[in-house]
């Protein structure tokens, strides 16, 4: 079974880039473990500084654990911790816009 690649956008609030980066540089070990447990093994977030849009791409192994990640207490705490910095849904989950693949090159 091959990896699944997911890409999506998120949106930062003004003047929070340094804090957003700091919080991710200090990612909680228990959150890293939850991400690994959900099959995520490669996850990057990029910033468009002109719009404060975040572009995220992750690779994961298919499986049920990924769908259960939002239910884990550590994930909910992370969302609450990050909510002041970004656009979020009512439950503090980061607002995400899925991005469809239009090109892929694997050499």
PDB file of N, CA and C in Angstrom:
ATOM      1  N   UNK A   1       0.845  -1.175   0.000  1.00  0.00           N
ATOM      2  CA  UNK A   1       0.000   0.000   0.000  1.00  0.00           C
ATOM      3  C   UNK A   1       0.897   1.247   0.000  1.00  0.00           C
ATOM      4  N   UNK A   2       0.676   2.136  -0.931  1.00  0.00           N
ATOM      5  CA  UNK A   2       1.546   3.297  -1.059  1.00  0.00           C
ATOM      6  C   UNK A   2       1.082   4.457  -0.175  1.00  0.00           C
ATOM      7  N   UNK A   3       1.992   5.398   0.005  1.00  0.00           N
ATOM      8  CA  UNK A   3       1.690   6.589   0.800  1.00  0.00           C
ATOM      9  C   UNK A   3       0.582   7.402   0.153  1.00  0.00           C
ATOM     10  N   UNK A   4      -0.153   8.091   0.984  1.00  0.00           N
ATOM     11  CA  UNK A   4      -1.111   9.091   0.523  1.00  0.00           C
ATOM     12  C   UNK A   4      -0.478  10.446   0.787  1.00  0.00           C
ATOM     13  N   UNK A   5      -0.593  11.357  -0.166  1.00  0.00           N
ATOM     14  CA  UNK A   5      -0.085  12.715  -0.004  1.00  0.00           C
ATOM     15  C   UNK A   5      -1.276  13.653   0.094  1.00  0.00           C
ATOM     16  N   UNK A   6      -1.312  14.437   1.155  1.00  0.00           N
ATOM     17  CA  UNK A   6      -2.371  15.420   1.358  1.00  0.00           C
ATOM     18  C   UNK A   6      -1.758  16.807   1.347  1.00  0.00           C
ATOM     19  N   UNK A   7      -2.417  17.756   0.694  1.00  0.00           N
ATOM     20  CA  UNK A   7      -1.965  19.139   0.674  1.00  0.00           C
ATOM     21  C   UNK A   7      -3.151  20.036   0.998  1.00  0.00           C
ATOM     22  N   UNK A   8      -2.887  21.071   1.778  1.00  0.00           N
ATOM     23  CA  UNK A   8      -3.963  21.990   2.152  1.00  0.00           C
ATOM     24  C   UNK A   8      -3.376  23.335   2.536  1.00  0.00           C
ATOM     25  N   UNK A   9      -4.250  24.339   2.564  1.00  0.00           N
ATOM     26  CA  UNK A   9      -3.881  25.684   2.976  1.00  0.00           C
ATOM     27  C   UNK A   9      -4.487  25.975   4.334  1.00  0.00           C
ATOM     28  N   UNK A  10      -3.817  26.830   5.081  1.00  0.00           N
ATOM     29  CA  UNK A  10      -4.335  27.380   6.327  1.00  0.00           C
ATOM     30  C   UNK A  10      -4.003  28.865   6.303  1.00  0.00           C
ATOM     31  N   UNK A  11      -4.526  29.628   7.251  1.00  0.00           N
ATOM     32  CA  UNK A  11      -4.321  31.071   7.226  1.00  0.00           C
ATOM     33  C   UNK A  11      -3.891  31.588   8.592  1.00  0.00           C
ATOM     34  N   UNK A  12      -2.754  32.284   8.617  1.00  0.00           N
ATOM     35  CA  UNK A  12      -2.282  32.926   9.844  1.00  0.00           C
ATOM     36  C   UNK A  12      -2.943  34.282  10.033  1.00  0.00           C
ATOM     37  N   UNK A  13      -2.983  34.725  11.272  1.00  0.00           N
ATOM     38  CA  UNK A  13      -3.402  36.080  11.593  1.00  0.00           C
ATOM     39  C   UNK A  13      -2.183  37.003  11.471  1.00  0.00           C
ATOM     40  N   UNK A  14      -2.400  38.298  11.330  1.00  0.00           N
ATOM     41  CA  UNK A  14      -1.265  39.226  11.193  1.00  0.00           C
ATOM     42  C   UNK A  14      -0.340  39.216  12.417  1.00  0.00           C
ATOM     43  N   UNK A  15       0.922  39.424  12.167  1.00  0.00           N
ATOM     44  CA  UNK A  15       1.956  39.631  13.196  1.00  0.00           C
ATOM     45  C   UNK A  15       2.237  38.428  14.090  1.00  0.00           C
ATOM     46  N   UNK A  16       1.970  37.221  13.629  1.00  0.00           N
ATOM     47  CA  UNK A  16       2.193  36.049  14.481  1.00  0.00           C
ATOM     48  C   UNK A  16       3.214  35.064  13.915  1.00  0.00           C
ATOM     49  N   UNK A  17       3.829  35.394  12.792  1.00  0.00           N
ATOM     50  CA  UNK A  17       4.735  34.444  12.147  1.00  0.00           C
ATOM     51  C   UNK A  17       5.833  33.964  13.085  1.00  0.00           C
ATOM     52  N   UNK A  18       6.543  34.863  13.793  1.00  0.00           N
ATOM     53  CA  UNK A  18       7.599  34.360  14.680  1.00  0.00           C
ATOM     54  C   UNK A  18       7.076  33.396  15.756  1.00  0.00           C
ATOM     55  N   UNK A  19       5.933  33.692  16.328  1.00  0.00           N
ATOM     56  CA  UNK A  19       5.374  32.822  17.364  1.00  0.00           C
ATOM     57  C   UNK A  19       4.918  31.488  16.768  1.00  0.00           C
ATOM     58  N   UNK A  20       4.313  31.519  15.599  1.00  0.00           N
ATOM     59  CA  UNK A  20       3.887  30.296  14.928  1.00  0.00           C
ATOM     60  C   UNK A  20       5.100  29.385  14.688  1.00  0.00           C
ATOM     61  N   UNK A  21       6.168  29.965  14.162  1.00  0.00           N
ATOM     62  CA  UNK A  21       7.378  29.189  13.903  1.00  0.00           C
ATOM     63  C   UNK A  21       7.969  28.654  15.208  1.00  0.00           C
ATOM     64  N   UNK A  22       8.034  29.484  16.233  1.00  0.00           N
ATOM     65  CA  UNK A  22       8.583  29.069  17.530  1.00  0.00           C
ATOM     66  C   UNK A  22       7.815  27.865  18.086  1.00  0.00           C
ATOM     67  N   UNK A  23       6.494  27.936  18.037  1.00  0.00           N
ATOM     68  CA  UNK A  23       5.688  26.839  18.582  1.00  0.00           C
ATOM     69  C   UNK A  23       5.913  25.543  17.820  1.00  0.00           C
ATOM     70  N   UNK A  24       6.095  25.631  16.520  1.00  0.00           N
ATOM     71  CA  UNK A  24       6.369  24.415  15.754  1.00  0.00           C
ATOM     72  C   UNK A  24       7.801  23.930  15.955  1.00  0.00           C
ATOM     73  N   UNK A  25       8.729  24.846  16.155  1.00  0.00           N
ATOM     74  CA  UNK A  25      10.107  24.441  16.455  1.00  0.00           C
ATOM     75  C   UNK A  25      10.175  23.687  17.789  1.00  0.00           C
ATOM     76  N   UNK A  26       9.223  23.957  18.662  1.00  0.00           N
ATOM     77  CA  UNK A  26       9.168  23.315  19.981  1.00  0.00           C
ATOM     78  C   UNK A  26       8.018  22.307  20.054  1.00  0.00           C
ATOM     79  N   UNK A  27       7.756  21.629  18.948  1.00  0.00           N
ATOM     80  CA  UNK A  27       6.651  20.675  18.874  1.00  0.00           C
ATOM     81  C   UNK A  27       6.693  19.704  20.056  1.00  0.00           C
ATOM     82  N   UNK A  28       5.557  19.530  20.684  1.00  0.00           N
ATOM     83  CA  UNK A  28       5.476  18.642  21.841  1.00  0.00           C
ATOM     84  C   UNK A  28       5.808  17.203  21.426  1.00  0.00           C
ATOM     85  N   UNK A  29       6.639  16.518  22.188  1.00  0.00           N
ATOM     86  CA  UNK A  29       6.962  15.117  21.862  1.00  0.00           C
ATOM     87  C   UNK A  29       5.719  14.226  21.784  1.00  0.00           C
ATOM     88  N   UNK A  30       4.742  14.462  22.644  1.00  0.00           N
ATOM     89  CA  UNK A  30       3.544  13.621  22.612  1.00  0.00           C
ATOM     90  C   UNK A  30       2.704  13.877  21.360  1.00  0.00           C
ATOM     91  N   UNK A  31       2.774  15.092  20.810  1.00  0.00           N
ATOM     92  CA  UNK A  31       2.083  15.367  19.548  1.00  0.00           C
ATOM     93  C   UNK A  31       2.836  14.700  18.399  1.00  0.00           C
ATOM     94  N   UNK A  32       4.150  14.775  18.405  1.00  0.00           N
ATOM     95  CA  UNK A  32       4.940  14.096  17.373  1.00  0.00           C
ATOM     96  C   UNK A  32       4.626  12.600  17.374  1.00  0.00           C
ATOM     97  N   UNK A  33       4.508  12.017  18.548  1.00  0.00           N
ATOM     98  CA  UNK A  33       4.180  10.592  18.652  1.00  0.00           C
ATOM     99  C   UNK A  33       2.783  10.310  18.101  1.00  0.00           C
ATOM    100  N   UNK A  34       1.821  11.185  18.382  1.00  0.00           N
ATOM    101  CA  UNK A  34       0.459  11.012  17.858  1.00  0.00           C
ATOM    102  C   UNK A  34       0.450  11.105  16.332  1.00  0.00           C
ATOM    103  N   UNK A  35       1.226  12.027  15.780  1.00  0.00           N
ATOM    104  CA  UNK A  35       1.309  12.147  14.324  1.00  0.00           C
ATOM    105  C   UNK A  35       1.900  10.873  13.709  1.00  0.00           C
ATOM    106  N   UNK A  36       2.973  10.379  14.304  1.00  0.00           N
ATOM    107  CA  UNK A  36       3.565   9.124  13.820  1.00  0.00           C
ATOM    108  C   UNK A  36       2.557   7.977  13.941  1.00  0.00           C
ATOM    109  N   UNK A  37       1.856   7.934  15.059  1.00  0.00           N
ATOM    110  CA  UNK A  37       0.862   6.886  15.268  1.00  0.00           C
ATOM    111  C   UNK A  37      -0.281   6.937  14.271  1.00  0.00           C
ATOM    112  N   UNK A  38      -0.525   8.118  13.721  1.00  0.00           N
ATOM    113  CA  UNK A  38      -1.572   8.282  12.712  1.00  0.00           C
ATOM    114  C   UNK A  38      -1.063   7.976  11.307  1.00  0.00           C
ATOM    115  N   UNK A  39       0.196   7.529  11.214  1.00  0.00           N
ATOM    116  CA  UNK A  39       0.758   7.151   9.929  1.00  0.00           C
ATOM    117  C   UNK A  39       1.462   8.280   9.199  1.00  0.00           C
ATOM    118  N   UNK A  40       1.558   9.453   9.826  1.00  0.00           N
ATOM    119  CA  UNK A  40       2.227  10.589   9.193  1.00  0.00           C
ATOM    120  C   UNK A  40       3.729  10.436   9.396  1.00  0.00           C
ATOM    121  N   UNK A  41       4.478  10.453   8.291  1.00  0.00           N
ATOM    122  CA  UNK A  41       5.928  10.286   8.415  1.00  0.00           C
ATOM    123  C   UNK A  41       6.698  11.406   7.719  1.00  0.00           C
ATOM    124  N   UNK A  42       6.003  12.322   7.093  1.00  0.00           N
ATOM    125  CA  UNK A  42       6.658  13.448   6.419  1.00  0.00           C
ATOM    126  C   UNK A  42       5.627  14.574   6.368  1.00  0.00           C
ATOM    127  N   UNK A  43       5.928  15.700   7.019  1.00  0.00           N
ATOM    128  CA  UNK A  43       4.942  16.779   7.126  1.00  0.00           C
ATOM    129  C   UNK A  43       5.697  18.098   7.088  1.00  0.00           C
ATOM    130  N   UNK A  44       5.378  18.930   6.101  1.00  0.00           N
ATOM    131  CA  UNK A  44       6.008  20.233   5.977  1.00  0.00           C
ATOM    132  C   UNK A  44       4.949  21.308   5.836  1.00  0.00           C
ATOM    133  N   UNK A  45       5.237  22.481   6.376  1.00  0.00           N
ATOM    134  CA  UNK A  45       4.367  23.641   6.246  1.00  0.00           C
ATOM    135  C   UNK A  45       5.220  24.785   5.705  1.00  0.00           C
ATOM    136  N   UNK A  46       4.723  25.433   4.662  1.00  0.00           N
ATOM    137  CA  UNK A  46       5.411  26.548   4.028  1.00  0.00           C
ATOM    138  C   UNK A  46       4.565  27.807   4.180  1.00  0.00           C
ATOM    139  N   UNK A  47       5.219  28.954   4.204  1.00  0.00           N
ATOM    140  CA  UNK A  47       4.544  30.231   4.402  1.00  0.00           C
ATOM    141  C   UNK A  47       4.673  31.116   3.176  1.00  0.00           C
ATOM    142  N   UNK A  48       3.552  31.671   2.728  1.00  0.00           N
ATOM    143  CA  UNK A  48       3.565  32.747   1.735  1.00  0.00           C
ATOM    144  C   UNK A  48       3.537  34.042   2.540  1.00  0.00           C
ATOM    145  N   UNK A  49       4.685  34.688   2.668  1.00  0.00           N
ATOM    146  CA  UNK A  49       4.800  35.862   3.531  1.00  0.00           C
ATOM    147  C   UNK A  49       3.938  37.033   3.071  1.00  0.00           C
ATOM    148  N   UNK A  50       3.615  37.106   1.798  1.00  0.00           N
ATOM    149  CA  UNK A  50       2.820  38.230   1.301  1.00  0.00           C
ATOM    150  C   UNK A  50       1.339  38.117   1.664  1.00  0.00           C
ATOM    151  N   UNK A  51       0.861  36.889   1.886  1.00  0.00           N
ATOM    152  CA  UNK A  51      -0.562  36.695   2.194  1.00  0.00           C
ATOM    153  C   UNK A  51      -0.805  36.066   3.562  1.00  0.00           C
ATOM    154  N   UNK A  52       0.264  35.596   4.202  1.00  0.00           N
ATOM    155  CA  UNK A  52       0.198  34.839   5.463  1.00  0.00           C
ATOM    156  C   UNK A  52      -0.530  33.504   5.303  1.00  0.00           C
ATOM    157  N   UNK A  53      -0.614  33.033   4.060  1.00  0.00           N
ATOM    158  CA  UNK A  53      -1.174  31.705   3.814  1.00  0.00           C
ATOM    159  C   UNK A  53      -0.118  30.657   4.106  1.00  0.00           C
ATOM    160  N   UNK A  54      -0.545  29.585   4.723  1.00  0.00           N
ATOM    161  CA  UNK A  54       0.305  28.439   4.992  1.00  0.00           C
ATOM    162  C   UNK A  54      -0.057  27.343   4.001  1.00  0.00           C
ATOM    163  N   UNK A  55       0.951  26.691   3.448  1.00  0.00           N
ATOM    164  CA  UNK A  55       0.752  25.571   2.552  1.00  0.00           C
ATOM    165  C   UNK A  55       1.341  24.347   3.238  1.00  0.00           C
ATOM    166  N   UNK A  56       0.519  23.363   3.499  1.00  0.00           N
ATOM    167  CA  UNK A  56       0.967  22.158   4.193  1.00  0.00           C
ATOM    168  C   UNK A  56       0.876  20.968   3.250  1.00  0.00           C
ATOM    169  N   UNK A  57       1.869  20.109   3.359  1.00  0.00           N
ATOM    170  CA  UNK A  57       1.848  18.851   2.617  1.00  0.00           C
ATOM    171  C   UNK A  57       2.343  17.759   3.553  1.00  0.00           C
ATOM    172  N   UNK A  58       1.626  16.652   3.556  1.00  0.00           N
ATOM    173  CA  UNK A  58       2.041  15.539   4.406  1.00  0.00           C
ATOM    174  C   UNK A  58       1.905  14.234   3.659  1.00  0.00           C
ATOM    175  N   UNK A  59       2.763  13.313   4.052  1.00  0.00           N
ATOM    176  CA  UNK A  59       2.716  11.953   3.530  1.00  0.00           C
ATOM    177  C   UNK A  59       2.335  11.046   4.685  1.00  0.00           C
ATOM    178  N   UNK A  60       1.422  10.140   4.386  1.00  0.00           N
ATOM    179  CA  UNK A  60       0.975   9.225   5.432  1.00  0.00           C
ATOM    180  C   UNK A  60       0.706   7.854   4.859  1.00  0.00           C
ATOM    181  N   UNK A  61       0.802   6.890   5.744  1.00  0.00           N
ATOM    182  CA  UNK A  61       0.396   5.533   5.414  1.00  0.00           C
ATOM    183  C   UNK A  61      -1.120   5.481   5.571  1.00  0.00           C
ATOM    184  N   UNK A  62      -1.833   4.911   4.612  1.00  0.00           N
ATOM    185  CA  UNK A  62      -3.289   4.809   4.743  1.00  0.00           C
ATOM    186  C   UNK A  62      -3.678   3.998   5.982  1.00  0.00           C
ATOM    187  N   UNK A  63      -4.763   4.365   6.587  1.00  0.00           N
ATOM    188  CA  UNK A  63      -5.246   3.605   7.735  1.00  0.00           C
ATOM    189  C   UNK A  63      -6.195   4.397   8.597  1.00  0.00           C
ATOM    190  N   UNK A  64      -6.861   3.686   9.448  1.00  0.00           N
ATOM    191  CA  UNK A  64      -7.884   4.248  10.321  1.00  0.00           C
ATOM    192  C   UNK A  64      -7.321   5.235  11.342  1.00  0.00           C
ATOM    193  N   UNK A  65      -6.090   5.052  11.774  1.00  0.00           N
ATOM    194  CA  UNK A  65      -5.513   5.892  12.829  1.00  0.00           C
ATOM    195  C   UNK A  65      -5.511   7.371  12.443  1.00  0.00           C
ATOM    196  N   UNK A  66      -5.334   7.671  11.164  1.00  0.00           N
ATOM    197  CA  UNK A  66      -5.314   9.066  10.725  1.00  0.00           C
ATOM    198  C   UNK A  66      -6.654   9.737  10.989  1.00  0.00           C
ATOM    199  N   UNK A  67      -7.743   9.038  10.715  1.00  0.00           N
ATOM    200  CA  UNK A  67      -9.078   9.591  10.922  1.00  0.00           C
ATOM    201  C   UNK A  67      -9.385   9.825  12.396  1.00  0.00           C
ATOM    202  N   UNK A  68      -8.694   9.119  13.267  1.00  0.00           N
ATOM    203  CA  UNK A  68      -8.924   9.256  14.703  1.00  0.00           C
ATOM    204  C   UNK A  68      -8.043  10.320  15.350  1.00  0.00           C
ATOM    205  N   UNK A  69      -7.072  10.856  14.608  1.00  0.00           N
ATOM    206  CA  UNK A  69      -6.166  11.868  15.147  1.00  0.00           C
ATOM    207  C   UNK A  69      -6.895  13.073  15.741  1.00  0.00           C
ATOM    208  N   UNK A  70      -7.927  13.627  15.090  1.00  0.00           N
ATOM    209  CA  UNK A  70      -8.616  14.786  15.670  1.00  0.00           C
ATOM    210  C   UNK A  70      -9.312  14.494  17.007  1.00  0.00           C
ATOM    211  N   UNK A  71      -9.508  13.239  17.326  1.00  0.00           N
ATOM    212  CA  UNK A  71     -10.172  12.869  18.578  1.00  0.00           C
ATOM    213  C   UNK A  71      -9.196  12.746  19.743  1.00  0.00           C
ATOM    214  N   UNK A  72      -7.909  12.742  19.465  1.00  0.00           N
ATOM    215  CA  UNK A  72      -6.918  12.562  20.521  1.00  0.00           C
ATOM    216  C   UNK A  72      -6.781  13.839  21.354  1.00  0.00           C
ATOM    217  N   UNK A  73      -6.737  13.711  22.669  1.00  0.00           N
ATOM    218  CA  UNK A  73      -6.619  14.884  23.542  1.00  0.00           C
ATOM    219  C   UNK A  73      -5.422  15.775  23.225  1.00  0.00           C
ATOM    220  N   UNK A  74      -4.282  15.199  22.854  1.00  0.00           N
ATOM    221  CA  UNK A  74      -3.109  16.019  22.552  1.00  0.00           C
ATOM    222  C   UNK A  74      -3.355  16.874  21.305  1.00  0.00           C
ATOM    223  N   UNK A  75      -4.094  16.338  20.342  1.00  0.00           N
ATOM    224  CA  UNK A  75      -4.402  17.108  19.136  1.00  0.00           C
ATOM    225  C   UNK A  75      -5.328  18.264  19.479  1.00  0.00           C
ATOM    226  N   UNK A  76      -6.307  17.991  20.327  1.00  0.00           N
ATOM    227  CA  UNK A  76      -7.246  19.048  20.745  1.00  0.00           C
ATOM    228  C   UNK A  76      -6.501  20.134  21.517  1.00  0.00           C
ATOM    229  N   UNK A  77      -5.566  19.779  22.390  1.00  0.00           N
ATOM    230  CA  UNK A  77      -4.776  20.775  23.144  1.00  0.00           C
ATOM    231  C   UNK A  77      -3.933  21.617  22.194  1.00  0.00           C
ATOM    232  N   UNK A  78      -3.345  20.972  21.175  1.00  0.00           N
ATOM    233  CA  UNK A  78      -2.539  21.698  20.198  1.00  0.00           C
ATOM    234  C   UNK A  78      -3.399  22.720  19.446  1.00  0.00           C
ATOM    235  N   UNK A  79      -4.584  22.307  19.025  1.00  0.00           N
ATOM    236  CA  UNK A  79      -5.472  23.239  18.330  1.00  0.00           C
ATOM    237  C   UNK A  79      -5.800  24.431  19.223  1.00  0.00           C
ATOM    238  N   UNK A  80      -6.100  24.177  20.486  1.00  0.00           N
ATOM    239  CA  UNK A  80      -6.403  25.276  21.419  1.00  0.00           C
ATOM    240  C   UNK A  80      -5.193  26.196  21.570  1.00  0.00           C
ATOM    241  N   UNK A  81      -4.012  25.620  21.634  1.00  0.00           N
ATOM    242  CA  UNK A  81      -2.763  26.369  21.787  1.00  0.00           C
ATOM    243  C   UNK A  81      -2.489  27.240  20.562  1.00  0.00           C
ATOM    244  N   UNK A  82      -2.808  26.743  19.376  1.00  0.00           N
ATOM    245  CA  UNK A  82      -2.523  27.452  18.136  1.00  0.00           C
ATOM    246  C   UNK A  82      -3.648  28.387  17.700  1.00  0.00           C
ATOM    247  N   UNK A  83      -4.837  28.240  18.244  1.00  0.00           N
ATOM    248  CA  UNK A  83      -6.006  29.007  17.794  1.00  0.00           C
ATOM    249  C   UNK A  83      -5.802  30.525  17.792  1.00  0.00           C
ATOM    250  N   UNK A  84      -5.109  31.107  18.772  1.00  0.00           N
ATOM    251  CA  UNK A  84      -4.938  32.570  18.722  1.00  0.00           C
ATOM    252  C   UNK A  84      -4.104  33.055  17.527  1.00  0.00           C
ATOM    253  N   UNK A  85      -3.407  32.146  16.861  1.00  0.00           N
ATOM    254  CA  UNK A  85      -2.492  32.541  15.796  1.00  0.00           C
ATOM    255  C   UNK A  85      -3.057  32.390  14.388  1.00  0.00           C
ATOM    256  N   UNK A  86      -4.179  31.695  14.263  1.00  0.00           N
ATOM    257  CA  UNK A  86      -4.660  31.366  12.918  1.00  0.00           C
ATOM    258  C   UNK A  86      -6.176  31.328  12.837  1.00  0.00           C
ATOM    259  N   UNK A  87      -6.671  31.299  11.614  1.00  0.00           N
ATOM    260  CA  UNK A  87      -8.104  31.145  11.413  1.00  0.00           C
ATOM    261  C   UNK A  87      -8.494  29.716  11.786  1.00  0.00           C
ATOM    262  N   UNK A  88      -9.560  29.594  12.580  1.00  0.00           N
ATOM    263  CA  UNK A  88      -9.962  28.280  13.078  1.00  0.00           C
ATOM    264  C   UNK A  88     -11.475  28.089  12.943  1.00  0.00           C
ATOM    265  N   UNK A  89     -11.871  26.836  13.053  1.00  0.00           N
ATOM    266  CA  UNK A  89     -13.284  26.472  13.103  1.00  0.00           C
ATOM    267  C   UNK A  89     -13.788  26.673  14.537  1.00  0.00           C
ATOM    268  N   UNK A  90     -15.057  26.426  14.775  1.00  0.00           N
ATOM    269  CA  UNK A  90     -15.663  26.630  16.097  1.00  0.00           C
ATOM    270  C   UNK A  90     -14.992  25.785  17.180  1.00  0.00           C
ATOM    271  N   UNK A  91     -14.461  24.616  16.808  1.00  0.00           N
ATOM    272  CA  UNK A  91     -13.811  23.730  17.779  1.00  0.00           C
ATOM    273  C   UNK A  91     -12.298  23.966  17.881  1.00  0.00           C
ATOM    274  N   UNK A  92     -11.814  25.061  17.293  1.00  0.00           N
ATOM    275  CA  UNK A  92     -10.404  25.458  17.255  1.00  0.00           C
ATOM    276  C   UNK A  92      -9.551  24.657  16.281  1.00  0.00           C
ATOM    277  N   UNK A  93     -10.146  23.754  15.534  1.00  0.00           N
ATOM    278  CA  UNK A  93      -9.401  23.072  14.470  1.00  0.00           C
ATOM    279  C   UNK A  93      -9.009  24.136  13.451  1.00  0.00           C
ATOM    280  N   UNK A  94      -7.758  24.134  12.998  1.00  0.00           N
ATOM    281  CA  UNK A  94      -7.375  25.107  11.982  1.00  0.00           C
ATOM    282  C   UNK A  94      -8.279  25.001  10.751  1.00  0.00           C
ATOM    283  N   UNK A  95      -8.727  26.141  10.261  1.00  0.00           N
ATOM    284  CA  UNK A  95      -9.506  26.149   9.022  1.00  0.00           C
ATOM    285  C   UNK A  95      -8.571  25.706   7.903  1.00  0.00           C
ATOM    286  N   UNK A  96      -9.013  24.705   7.142  1.00  0.00           N
ATOM    287  CA  UNK A  96      -8.179  24.134   6.084  1.00  0.00           C
ATOM    288  C   UNK A  96      -8.932  24.146   4.763  1.00  0.00           C
ATOM    289  N   UNK A  97      -8.174  24.420   3.715  1.00  0.00           N
ATOM    290  CA  UNK A  97      -8.694  24.346   2.365  1.00  0.00           C
ATOM    291  C   UNK A  97      -7.876  23.300   1.632  1.00  0.00           C
ATOM    292  N   UNK A  98      -8.515  22.216   1.220  1.00  0.00           N
ATOM    293  CA  UNK A  98      -7.818  21.149   0.496  1.00  0.00           C
ATOM    294  C   UNK A  98      -7.324  21.677  -0.840  1.00  0.00           C
ATOM    295  N   UNK A  99      -6.174  21.176  -1.251  1.00  0.00           N
ATOM    296  CA  UNK A  99      -5.588  21.555  -2.530  1.00  0.00           C
ATOM    297  C   UNK A  99      -5.442  20.313  -3.397  1.00  0.00           C
ATOM    298  N   UNK A 100      -6.105  20.293  -4.547  1.00  0.00           N
ATOM    299  CA  UNK A 100      -5.991  19.123  -5.418  1.00  0.00           C
ATOM    300  C   UNK A 100      -4.641  19.092  -6.121  1.00  0.00           C
ATOM    301  N   UNK A 101      -4.168  17.919  -6.384  1.00  0.00           N
ATOM    302  CA  UNK A 101      -2.918  17.747  -7.115  1.00  0.00           C
ATOM    303  C   UNK A 101      -3.154  18.043  -8.594  1.00  0.00           C
ATOM    304  N   UNK A 102      -2.272  18.841  -9.179  1.00  0.00           N
ATOM    305  CA  UNK A 102      -2.343  19.104 -10.610  1.00  0.00           C
ATOM    306  C   UNK A 102      -1.058  18.679 -11.330  1.00  0.00           C
ATOM    307  N   UNK A 103      -0.020  18.336 -10.554  1.00  0.00           N
ATOM    308  CA  UNK A 103       1.225  17.877 -11.154  1.00  0.00           C
ATOM    309  C   UNK A 103       2.049  17.157 -10.092  1.00  0.00           C
ATOM    310  N   UNK A 104       2.691  16.084 -10.511  1.00  0.00           N
ATOM    311  CA  UNK A 104       3.602  15.367  -9.628  1.00  0.00           C
ATOM    312  C   UNK A 104       4.717  14.788 -10.467  1.00  0.00           C
ATOM    313  N   UNK A 105       5.927  14.986 -10.044  1.00  0.00           N
ATOM    314  CA  UNK A 105       7.095  14.405 -10.709  1.00  0.00           C
ATOM    315  C   UNK A 105       7.833  13.552  -9.710  1.00  0.00           C
ATOM    316  N   UNK A 106       8.064  12.318 -10.042  1.00  0.00           N
ATOM    317  CA  UNK A 106       8.865  11.422  -9.210  1.00  0.00           C
ATOM    318  C   UNK A 106       9.927  10.826 -10.115  1.00  0.00           C
ATOM    319  N   UNK A 107      11.132  11.276  -9.905  1.00  0.00           N
ATOM    320  CA  UNK A 107      12.234  10.831 -10.772  1.00  0.00           C
ATOM    321  C   UNK A 107      12.792   9.561 -10.316  1.00  0.00           C
TER     322      UNK A 107
END
